Protein backbone atom coordinates (compact mmCIF):
# COMPACT_ATOMS: atom_id res chain seq x y z
CA MET A 1 0.00 0.00 0.00
CA HIS A 2 1.32 3.43 -0.97
CA GLY A 3 1.77 6.11 1.65
CA ASP A 4 0.67 9.10 -0.41
CA GLY A 5 -2.89 9.16 0.87
CA ARG A 6 -4.41 8.06 -2.42
CA GLY A 7 -6.75 5.10 -2.78
CA THR A 8 -4.88 2.16 -4.20
CA ARG A 9 -6.54 -0.09 -6.78
CA HIS A 10 -5.57 -3.72 -6.66
CA GLY A 11 -6.60 -6.53 -8.93
CA ARG A 12 -8.45 -8.09 -6.00
CA GLY A 13 -10.52 -5.11 -4.96
CA ILE A 14 -10.43 -1.44 -3.95
CA LEU A 15 -8.88 -0.35 -0.67
CA HIS A 16 -9.57 3.25 0.39
CA ALA A 17 -6.76 4.92 2.27
CA PRO A 18 -7.14 6.56 5.68
CA GLY A 19 -8.23 10.16 5.41
CA SER A 20 -10.66 9.43 2.62
CA ASP A 21 -14.20 10.72 3.06
CA ARG A 22 -15.40 7.12 2.90
CA MET A 23 -15.05 4.39 5.47
CA PRO A 24 -12.21 1.95 4.75
CA ARG A 25 -13.58 -1.15 3.14
CA TYR A 26 -12.54 -4.01 0.96
CA THR A 27 -14.67 -4.99 -1.98
CA PRO A 28 -14.04 -8.61 -2.94
CA PRO A 29 -13.92 -9.57 -6.58
CA MET A 30 -17.04 -10.80 -8.37
CA THR A 31 -19.35 -9.69 -5.58
CA HIS A 32 -22.12 -8.98 -8.02
CA ALA A 33 -21.70 -12.28 -9.78
CA LYS A 34 -22.00 -14.17 -6.53
CA SER A 35 -24.98 -12.26 -5.17
CA ALA A 36 -26.82 -12.21 -8.48
CA PRO A 37 -25.75 -15.28 -10.41
CA HIS A 38 -25.81 -15.12 -14.19
CA ALA A 39 -28.22 -17.30 -16.13
CA ARG A 40 -25.24 -19.23 -17.47
CA GLN A 41 -24.20 -20.13 -13.93
CA VAL A 42 -27.64 -21.56 -13.21
CA ALA A 43 -27.83 -23.32 -16.57
CA ALA A 44 -24.46 -24.95 -15.95
CA ALA A 45 -25.74 -26.50 -12.73
CA VAL A 46 -29.00 -27.70 -14.27
CA ILE A 47 -27.85 -28.99 -17.64
CA GLY A 48 -25.98 -32.08 -16.41
CA ASN A 49 -28.94 -33.22 -14.37
CA ALA A 50 -31.07 -32.71 -17.47
CA LEU A 51 -28.77 -34.97 -19.50
CA GLU A 52 -28.87 -37.63 -16.78
CA TRP A 53 -32.66 -37.74 -16.53
CA TYR A 54 -33.21 -37.41 -20.27
CA ASP A 55 -31.28 -40.63 -20.77
CA PHE A 56 -33.22 -42.37 -17.99
CA VAL A 57 -36.57 -41.38 -19.46
CA VAL A 58 -35.60 -42.48 -22.96
CA PHE A 59 -34.17 -45.79 -21.75
CA GLY A 60 -37.20 -46.43 -19.56
CA ALA A 61 -39.68 -45.50 -22.27
CA LEU A 62 -37.98 -47.71 -24.87
CA THR A 63 -37.56 -50.66 -22.49
CA VAL A 64 -39.71 -52.95 -24.64
CA ILE A 65 -37.66 -52.32 -27.79
CA ILE A 66 -34.29 -52.47 -26.01
CA GLY A 67 -35.34 -55.71 -24.35
CA ASN A 68 -36.19 -57.25 -27.72
CA LEU A 69 -32.94 -56.15 -29.36
CA PHE A 70 -30.38 -56.76 -26.63
CA PHE A 71 -31.89 -59.30 -24.23
CA PRO A 72 -33.32 -62.38 -25.95
CA GLY A 73 -35.84 -64.45 -24.03
CA ASP A 74 -38.75 -66.83 -24.39
CA SER A 75 -41.41 -64.25 -23.59
CA GLU A 76 -41.95 -60.50 -23.66
CA LEU A 77 -42.08 -60.42 -19.85
CA THR A 78 -38.65 -62.10 -19.65
CA ARG A 79 -37.14 -59.60 -22.07
CA ILE A 80 -38.65 -56.65 -20.19
CA LEU A 81 -37.38 -57.98 -16.86
CA LYS A 82 -33.86 -58.29 -18.29
CA ALA A 83 -33.98 -54.79 -19.75
CA THR A 84 -35.34 -53.21 -16.55
CA ALA A 85 -32.70 -55.06 -14.53
CA THR A 86 -30.05 -53.53 -16.80
CA PHE A 87 -31.69 -50.15 -16.28
CA GLY A 88 -31.23 -50.68 -12.55
CA VAL A 89 -27.74 -52.21 -12.55
CA GLY A 90 -26.09 -48.84 -13.07
CA PHE A 91 -27.48 -47.76 -9.72
CA PHE A 92 -25.07 -50.07 -7.93
CA MET A 93 -22.32 -47.66 -9.00
CA ARG A 94 -24.16 -44.55 -7.86
CA PRO A 95 -23.12 -44.69 -4.18
CA VAL A 96 -19.52 -45.28 -5.26
CA GLY A 97 -19.60 -42.40 -7.70
CA GLY A 98 -21.48 -40.24 -5.20
CA ILE A 99 -18.87 -40.74 -2.49
CA VAL A 100 -15.85 -40.34 -4.78
CA LEU A 101 -17.19 -37.34 -6.68
CA GLY A 102 -18.79 -35.80 -3.58
CA ILE A 103 -15.48 -35.87 -1.70
CA TYR A 104 -13.74 -34.50 -4.79
CA ALA A 105 -16.24 -31.64 -5.04
CA ASP A 106 -15.98 -30.76 -1.34
CA ARG A 107 -12.18 -30.68 -1.55
CA HIS A 108 -11.46 -29.33 -5.01
CA GLY A 109 -14.59 -27.44 -6.00
CA ARG A 110 -17.95 -27.82 -7.67
CA LYS A 111 -16.68 -26.74 -11.09
CA ALA A 112 -14.08 -29.47 -11.59
CA ALA A 113 -16.47 -32.19 -10.44
CA LEU A 114 -19.34 -31.00 -12.63
CA GLN A 115 -17.11 -30.89 -15.71
CA LEU A 116 -15.89 -34.45 -15.12
CA ILE A 117 -19.41 -35.75 -14.56
CA ILE A 118 -20.90 -34.43 -17.78
CA GLY A 119 -18.00 -35.86 -19.80
CA LEU A 120 -18.57 -39.34 -18.37
CA MET A 121 -22.33 -39.15 -18.90
CA THR A 122 -21.89 -38.16 -22.54
CA LEU A 123 -19.55 -41.10 -23.13
CA ALA A 124 -22.06 -43.52 -21.59
CA MET A 125 -24.90 -42.23 -23.74
CA ALA A 126 -22.74 -42.56 -26.87
CA MET A 127 -22.08 -46.20 -26.04
CA ILE A 128 -25.82 -46.93 -25.85
CA ALA A 129 -26.60 -44.99 -29.02
CA CYS A 130 -23.97 -46.87 -31.03
CA ALA A 131 -24.27 -50.38 -29.53
CA PRO A 132 -24.95 -53.16 -32.10
CA PRO A 133 -27.89 -55.47 -31.22
CA TYR A 134 -27.64 -59.03 -29.95
CA ALA A 135 -28.31 -60.42 -33.42
CA ALA A 136 -25.14 -58.73 -34.72
CA ILE A 137 -22.53 -59.40 -32.02
CA GLY A 138 -24.16 -61.80 -29.58
CA ILE A 139 -23.41 -61.57 -25.87
CA ALA A 140 -21.19 -58.53 -26.38
CA ALA A 141 -24.30 -56.44 -27.12
CA PRO A 142 -25.89 -56.62 -23.63
CA MET A 143 -22.40 -56.30 -22.11
CA ILE A 144 -21.94 -52.93 -23.83
CA ILE A 145 -25.31 -51.76 -22.50
CA VAL A 146 -24.49 -52.92 -18.98
CA LEU A 147 -21.04 -51.28 -19.08
CA ALA A 148 -22.58 -48.01 -20.27
CA ARG A 149 -25.11 -48.13 -17.43
CA LEU A 150 -22.34 -48.74 -14.88
CA LEU A 151 -20.30 -45.82 -16.21
CA GLN A 152 -23.31 -43.55 -16.17
CA GLY A 153 -24.23 -44.72 -12.69
CA PHE A 154 -20.80 -43.70 -11.41
CA ALA A 155 -20.99 -40.28 -13.07
CA THR A 156 -24.54 -39.44 -12.08
CA GLY A 157 -23.86 -40.54 -8.51
CA GLY A 158 -22.39 -37.11 -7.87
CA GLU A 159 -24.50 -34.99 -10.20
CA PHE A 160 -27.57 -34.30 -8.09
CA ALA A 161 -25.74 -33.47 -4.86
CA ILE A 162 -23.03 -31.32 -6.41
CA ALA A 163 -25.34 -29.39 -8.73
CA THR A 164 -27.92 -28.93 -5.97
CA SER A 165 -25.22 -27.69 -3.59
CA PHE A 166 -24.12 -25.18 -6.21
CA LEU A 167 -27.64 -23.86 -6.86
CA VAL A 168 -28.49 -23.45 -3.18
CA GLU A 169 -25.15 -21.79 -2.43
CA VAL A 170 -25.34 -19.40 -5.38
CA ALA A 171 -28.95 -18.37 -4.67
CA PRO A 172 -29.65 -14.81 -3.51
CA ARG A 173 -30.85 -14.40 0.06
CA GLY A 174 -34.47 -15.45 0.51
CA ARG A 175 -34.62 -17.32 -2.83
CA LYS A 176 -32.96 -20.63 -2.04
CA GLY A 177 -36.24 -22.50 -2.46
CA LEU A 178 -36.73 -21.13 -5.96
CA TYR A 179 -33.13 -21.74 -7.03
CA GLY A 180 -33.05 -25.23 -5.55
CA SER A 181 -36.27 -26.06 -7.38
CA LEU A 182 -34.53 -25.34 -10.67
CA GLN A 183 -32.70 -28.62 -10.23
CA GLN A 184 -36.06 -30.38 -10.27
CA VAL A 185 -37.19 -28.19 -13.18
CA GLY A 186 -34.17 -29.45 -15.12
CA LEU A 187 -35.21 -32.97 -14.20
CA SER A 188 -38.73 -32.31 -15.40
CA LEU A 189 -37.64 -30.65 -18.64
CA ALA A 190 -35.32 -33.56 -19.35
CA ALA A 191 -38.16 -36.00 -18.79
CA LEU A 192 -40.34 -33.85 -21.04
CA GLY A 193 -37.63 -33.87 -23.70
CA GLY A 194 -37.34 -37.64 -23.45
CA ALA A 195 -41.11 -38.07 -23.73
CA LEU A 196 -41.22 -35.72 -26.74
CA ALA A 197 -38.42 -37.66 -28.40
CA GLY A 198 -40.26 -40.93 -27.76
CA TRP A 199 -43.53 -39.44 -29.00
CA PHE A 200 -41.84 -38.16 -32.16
CA VAL A 201 -40.24 -41.46 -33.18
CA THR A 202 -43.42 -43.44 -32.47
CA GLN A 203 -45.50 -40.98 -34.51
CA VAL A 204 -43.17 -40.61 -37.49
CA LEU A 205 -41.63 -44.07 -37.85
CA THR A 206 -43.19 -47.42 -38.57
CA PRO A 207 -42.78 -50.18 -35.94
CA ASP A 208 -40.15 -51.88 -38.13
CA GLN A 209 -38.18 -48.63 -38.55
CA LEU A 210 -38.43 -47.92 -34.84
CA GLU A 211 -37.04 -51.30 -33.87
CA SER A 212 -34.31 -51.44 -36.52
CA TRP A 213 -32.77 -47.96 -36.11
CA GLY A 214 -35.32 -45.37 -34.94
CA TRP A 215 -34.88 -46.16 -31.23
CA ARG A 216 -31.34 -44.74 -31.45
CA LEU A 217 -32.53 -41.26 -32.48
CA PRO A 218 -33.56 -40.07 -28.97
CA PHE A 219 -30.14 -41.12 -27.62
CA ALA A 220 -28.38 -39.36 -30.49
CA ILE A 221 -30.36 -36.19 -29.76
CA GLY A 222 -29.29 -36.44 -26.12
CA LEU A 223 -25.66 -36.50 -27.20
CA LEU A 224 -26.02 -32.88 -28.32
CA ILE A 225 -26.53 -31.82 -24.71
CA GLY A 226 -23.12 -33.14 -23.65
CA PRO A 227 -20.79 -30.79 -25.59
CA VAL A 228 -23.01 -27.80 -24.79
CA GLY A 229 -22.95 -28.68 -21.10
CA MET A 230 -19.18 -29.13 -21.07
CA TRP A 231 -18.71 -25.73 -22.71
CA VAL A 232 -21.09 -24.00 -20.31
CA ARG A 233 -19.52 -25.59 -17.23
CA ARG A 234 -16.08 -24.32 -18.20
CA HIS A 235 -17.26 -20.85 -17.15
CA LEU A 236 -18.56 -21.77 -13.70
CA GLU A 237 -17.37 -19.79 -10.68
CA GLU A 238 -17.17 -21.30 -7.21
CA THR A 239 -19.74 -20.06 -4.72
CA ALA A 240 -18.80 -17.71 -1.88
CA GLU A 241 -20.27 -20.14 0.67
CA PHE A 242 -18.10 -23.01 -0.56
CA GLU A 243 -14.98 -20.83 -0.73
CA SER A 244 -15.54 -19.72 2.87
CA ALA A 245 -15.98 -23.31 4.01
CA ARG A 246 -12.83 -24.40 2.18
CA ALA A 247 -10.82 -21.53 3.65
CA ALA A 248 -11.99 -22.42 7.17
CA ARG A 249 -11.22 -26.13 6.80
CA THR A 250 -8.23 -27.28 8.79
CA ALA A 251 -8.31 -30.93 7.79
CA ASP A 252 -10.31 -33.29 5.61
CA LEU A 253 -12.70 -35.38 7.70
CA PRO A 254 -13.03 -39.13 7.08
CA LEU A 255 -16.30 -40.25 5.53
CA TRP A 256 -17.37 -42.16 8.64
CA THR A 257 -16.84 -39.08 10.80
CA ILE A 258 -19.00 -37.00 8.48
CA MET A 259 -21.77 -39.58 8.49
CA ARG A 260 -21.72 -39.96 12.28
CA ALA A 261 -21.77 -36.21 12.86
CA HIS A 262 -24.76 -35.78 10.54
CA ALA A 263 -26.57 -39.10 11.09
CA ARG A 264 -29.99 -37.53 11.66
CA SER A 265 -29.73 -35.38 8.53
CA VAL A 266 -28.59 -38.37 6.47
CA GLY A 267 -31.58 -40.39 7.69
CA VAL A 268 -34.08 -37.65 6.92
CA THR A 269 -32.59 -37.07 3.48
CA PHE A 270 -32.65 -40.81 2.80
CA GLY A 271 -36.39 -40.92 3.53
CA LEU A 272 -37.19 -37.87 1.44
CA VAL A 273 -35.29 -39.23 -1.54
CA ILE A 274 -37.06 -42.61 -1.24
CA CYS A 275 -40.33 -40.82 -1.86
CA GLY A 276 -38.93 -38.70 -4.66
CA THR A 277 -37.20 -41.53 -6.48
CA ILE A 278 -40.09 -44.02 -6.33
CA THR A 279 -42.62 -41.51 -7.60
CA TYR A 280 -40.27 -40.39 -10.35
CA TYR A 281 -39.35 -43.80 -11.67
CA VAL A 282 -42.85 -45.24 -11.53
CA VAL A 283 -45.03 -42.27 -12.48
CA LEU A 284 -42.67 -40.47 -14.85
CA ILE A 285 -40.62 -43.27 -16.40
CA TYR A 286 -42.51 -46.55 -16.04
CA MET A 287 -45.95 -45.32 -17.10
CA PRO A 288 -45.40 -45.57 -20.90
CA THR A 289 -44.32 -49.20 -20.43
CA PHE A 290 -47.28 -49.79 -18.07
CA ALA A 291 -49.77 -48.28 -20.50
CA SER A 292 -48.37 -50.28 -23.41
CA THR A 293 -47.86 -53.69 -21.78
CA GLN A 294 -50.56 -53.78 -19.08
CA LEU A 295 -53.34 -51.68 -20.55
CA GLY A 296 -52.75 -52.51 -24.21
CA MET A 297 -52.64 -48.86 -25.23
CA PRO A 298 -50.65 -47.62 -28.26
CA LEU A 299 -47.19 -46.36 -27.32
CA GLU A 300 -47.88 -43.04 -29.05
CA ASP A 301 -50.87 -42.46 -26.74
CA ALA A 302 -48.69 -43.17 -23.72
CA PHE A 303 -46.16 -40.57 -24.86
CA THR A 304 -48.89 -38.02 -25.59
CA ALA A 305 -50.19 -38.29 -22.02
CA GLN A 306 -46.64 -38.18 -20.70
CA VAL A 307 -45.83 -34.93 -22.53
CA ILE A 308 -48.94 -33.19 -21.14
CA ALA A 309 -48.31 -34.46 -17.61
CA LEU A 310 -44.66 -33.38 -17.63
CA ALA A 311 -45.65 -29.91 -18.79
CA CYS A 312 -47.84 -29.68 -15.67
CA LEU A 313 -44.95 -30.89 -13.51
CA THR A 314 -42.57 -28.31 -14.99
CA ILE A 315 -44.97 -25.48 -14.16
CA VAL A 316 -45.80 -26.60 -10.61
CA ILE A 317 -42.23 -27.19 -9.36
CA PRO A 318 -40.81 -23.62 -9.49
CA VAL A 319 -44.10 -22.12 -8.25
CA VAL A 320 -44.04 -24.31 -5.13
CA GLY A 321 -40.25 -23.85 -4.78
CA ALA A 322 -40.74 -20.08 -4.63
CA LEU A 323 -43.67 -20.54 -2.24
CA SER A 324 -41.42 -22.50 0.12
CA ASP A 325 -39.28 -19.38 0.55
CA ARG A 326 -42.33 -17.79 2.18
CA VAL A 327 -44.03 -20.65 4.04
CA GLY A 328 -41.09 -22.98 4.65
CA ARG A 329 -40.21 -26.34 3.14
CA LYS A 330 -42.35 -28.62 5.32
CA ALA A 331 -45.89 -27.49 4.52
CA PRO A 332 -45.80 -28.08 0.73
CA MET A 333 -43.97 -31.40 1.12
CA ILE A 334 -46.49 -32.68 3.66
CA ALA A 335 -49.35 -31.60 1.39
CA GLY A 336 -47.81 -33.31 -1.64
CA SER A 337 -47.10 -36.62 0.09
CA VAL A 338 -50.55 -36.77 1.76
CA ALA A 339 -52.28 -36.00 -1.56
CA CYS A 340 -50.37 -38.84 -3.24
CA LEU A 341 -51.46 -41.25 -0.52
CA VAL A 342 -55.10 -40.23 -0.92
CA PHE A 343 -55.45 -40.08 -4.71
CA LEU A 344 -53.00 -42.66 -6.07
CA LEU A 345 -55.09 -45.80 -5.79
CA PRO A 346 -58.37 -44.28 -7.05
CA LEU A 347 -56.56 -42.83 -10.07
CA PHE A 348 -54.92 -46.15 -10.95
CA GLU A 349 -58.19 -48.04 -10.49
CA ARG A 350 -60.03 -45.63 -12.74
CA LEU A 351 -57.31 -45.91 -15.38
CA HIS A 352 -57.46 -49.71 -15.25
CA ALA A 353 -61.24 -49.63 -15.63
CA ARG A 354 -61.13 -47.11 -18.50
CA PRO A 355 -57.81 -47.48 -20.37
CA ASP A 356 -58.28 -44.69 -22.90
CA LEU A 357 -56.22 -41.64 -23.78
CA ALA A 358 -58.39 -39.13 -21.91
CA THR A 359 -58.24 -41.12 -18.67
CA LEU A 360 -54.49 -41.63 -19.03
CA ILE A 361 -53.95 -37.89 -19.51
CA LEU A 362 -56.11 -37.10 -16.47
CA THR A 363 -54.26 -39.66 -14.34
CA GLN A 364 -50.78 -38.58 -15.41
CA ALA A 365 -51.47 -34.84 -15.21
CA THR A 366 -53.00 -35.15 -11.73
CA LEU A 367 -50.19 -37.35 -10.40
CA CYS A 368 -47.46 -35.14 -11.86
CA SER A 369 -49.04 -32.02 -10.37
CA LEU A 370 -49.21 -33.65 -6.93
CA ILE A 371 -45.62 -34.85 -7.24
CA GLY A 372 -44.59 -31.35 -8.27
CA VAL A 373 -45.83 -29.99 -4.94
CA PHE A 374 -43.45 -32.38 -3.16
CA TYR A 375 -40.59 -31.82 -5.61
CA GLY A 376 -40.71 -28.02 -5.45
CA PRO A 377 -38.91 -27.62 -2.09
CA LEU A 378 -37.18 -31.04 -2.15
CA SER A 379 -33.71 -30.14 -3.48
CA THR A 380 -33.34 -27.13 -1.20
CA ALA A 381 -34.69 -29.03 1.80
CA VAL A 382 -32.13 -31.83 1.53
CA ALA A 383 -29.25 -29.44 0.79
CA GLU A 384 -30.10 -27.39 3.87
CA GLN A 385 -29.60 -30.43 6.08
CA PHE A 386 -25.80 -30.16 5.75
CA PRO A 387 -23.15 -27.43 6.08
CA ALA A 388 -21.32 -26.38 2.91
CA GLY A 389 -18.02 -28.03 3.81
CA VAL A 390 -19.48 -31.55 3.73
CA ARG A 391 -22.67 -30.95 1.76
CA SER A 392 -21.76 -32.70 -1.49
CA THR A 393 -20.31 -35.76 0.28
CA ALA A 394 -23.10 -36.33 2.81
CA LEU A 395 -25.91 -35.50 0.41
CA SER A 396 -24.43 -37.75 -2.30
CA LEU A 397 -24.31 -40.75 0.02
CA ALA A 398 -27.86 -40.39 1.36
CA TYR A 399 -29.29 -39.58 -2.05
CA ASN A 400 -27.59 -42.38 -3.97
CA LEU A 401 -28.31 -45.11 -1.44
CA ALA A 402 -32.01 -44.27 -1.61
CA VAL A 403 -32.01 -44.08 -5.40
CA MET A 404 -30.08 -47.35 -5.74
CA LEU A 405 -32.31 -49.33 -3.39
CA PHE A 406 -35.73 -47.92 -4.24
CA GLY A 407 -35.49 -46.11 -7.59
CA GLY A 408 -33.11 -47.95 -9.84
CA PHE A 409 -35.04 -51.20 -9.66
CA ALA A 410 -38.50 -49.60 -9.38
CA GLN A 411 -39.53 -50.76 -12.85
CA PHE A 412 -38.20 -54.23 -12.14
CA PHE A 413 -40.04 -54.47 -8.81
CA VAL A 414 -43.29 -53.19 -10.29
CA THR A 415 -43.10 -55.59 -13.25
CA TRP A 416 -42.34 -58.44 -10.85
CA LEU A 417 -45.20 -57.46 -8.51
CA ILE A 418 -47.64 -57.41 -11.40
CA ALA A 419 -46.41 -60.82 -12.51
CA ILE A 420 -46.82 -62.51 -9.11
CA THR A 421 -50.04 -60.77 -8.04
CA GLY A 422 -51.78 -60.66 -11.39
CA GLN A 423 -52.88 -57.09 -10.57
CA PRO A 424 -51.89 -54.47 -13.18
CA ILE A 425 -52.36 -51.69 -10.61
CA ALA A 426 -49.72 -53.13 -8.25
CA ALA A 427 -47.54 -50.14 -9.18
CA ALA A 428 -49.82 -47.90 -7.11
CA TYR A 429 -48.97 -49.73 -3.90
CA TYR A 430 -45.25 -49.22 -4.41
CA VAL A 431 -45.74 -45.49 -4.99
CA MET A 432 -47.96 -45.23 -1.90
CA PHE A 433 -45.22 -46.89 0.13
CA GLY A 434 -42.79 -44.22 -1.06
CA ALA A 435 -45.23 -41.42 -0.27
CA GLY A 436 -45.66 -42.75 3.28
CA ILE A 437 -41.90 -42.80 3.85
CA GLY A 438 -41.66 -39.28 2.45
CA LEU A 439 -44.33 -38.02 4.84
CA LEU A 440 -42.52 -39.45 7.87
CA ALA A 441 -39.20 -37.99 6.73
CA THR A 442 -40.75 -34.57 6.13
CA LEU A 443 -42.05 -34.49 9.69
CA GLY A 444 -38.44 -34.88 10.88
CA LEU A 445 -37.08 -32.27 8.49
CA ARG A 446 -34.77 -29.62 9.93
CA THR A 447 -35.57 -26.45 7.99
CA ARG A 448 -33.23 -23.50 7.66
CA GLY A 449 -34.96 -21.51 4.97
């Protein structure tokens, strides 16, 4: 600092010298960017989650075709079971990826972890899009699909927690609920994109074209998201909250120590995610397969209903997320889980009695709107359970264990339940189970916003 009484401008801020008519202060760099995040910052956090869920929706919606091409069997049910099991096998890698990438993000930053994740997810999607069928290369075909699912499972294990941590930390004061809900909006938009892609190929292509090459188109479209996401994430800036936590850290805590110190928060988060993941994988992903295989409806009708329902979900989530900044996280989440418990079974029974397009649209739109009430505050609520210094690690573990156990094999469990009970509406009971767990977890929620 110069001694001539003049204010000295440094690259890191402006320091006013004594004797100035203004109080001495230090203005840190990028203050505006951190208090009012740019749209590109928000998009960078959301886009990877969108890629992850887009792939899940497409894979889930095309389960019947993928089962026929890659998993030979004596019956359609056998092929579907094999395909849905492959859909779920990647979830075994999610806790591993969540722990590894969560620790990496808490130690080295959100930006580096998010860039790595989207690169791995893009590679996995490319493997599925380009995989030859069983008829061409035999057993190597399902092995490629399984390997791609394992790779994607590892990558996506860290995506939700790290991106959610970033959104909540970058949010302006009093708007964490809204910003956190954008993670779920990305999820919903990705599901909508997947449903639109499925609707398009089933409307435009013949069944023979769809099975021979058309099923690859939605995956190829998804590949476009990868390079865009990688470019956008190159320009991320670390959040002030994370930088403060990193500066204050004196040593890296072992995983077991983190889990023990935050056991209650991990348990509550685990329960909330059970509800979220079951409802998502059954209502948003499994329903086209359910409508096609159990109700005998055309696949194009299933996608039409899905598109309308997901549009409702996309609208409800940010509205309720913003509302949670005023009324708290608990009230909307309790309302959403109770409504699911009350209306799920009657809606499924009505759909089974009248399996037409209008009833399917009504069922899907109603269920997605109710789920949206629960989803709105969900991301922010679980992020607020942990301090910034361990947020990605602890949230990743709780989130991925719940998703692995109750979400990844949701389609498999539902298909199996239908097979052993002979009741096409058995899916409703599994979703009601998830809603009940979510209600109990919400009652134990520690709210900070």
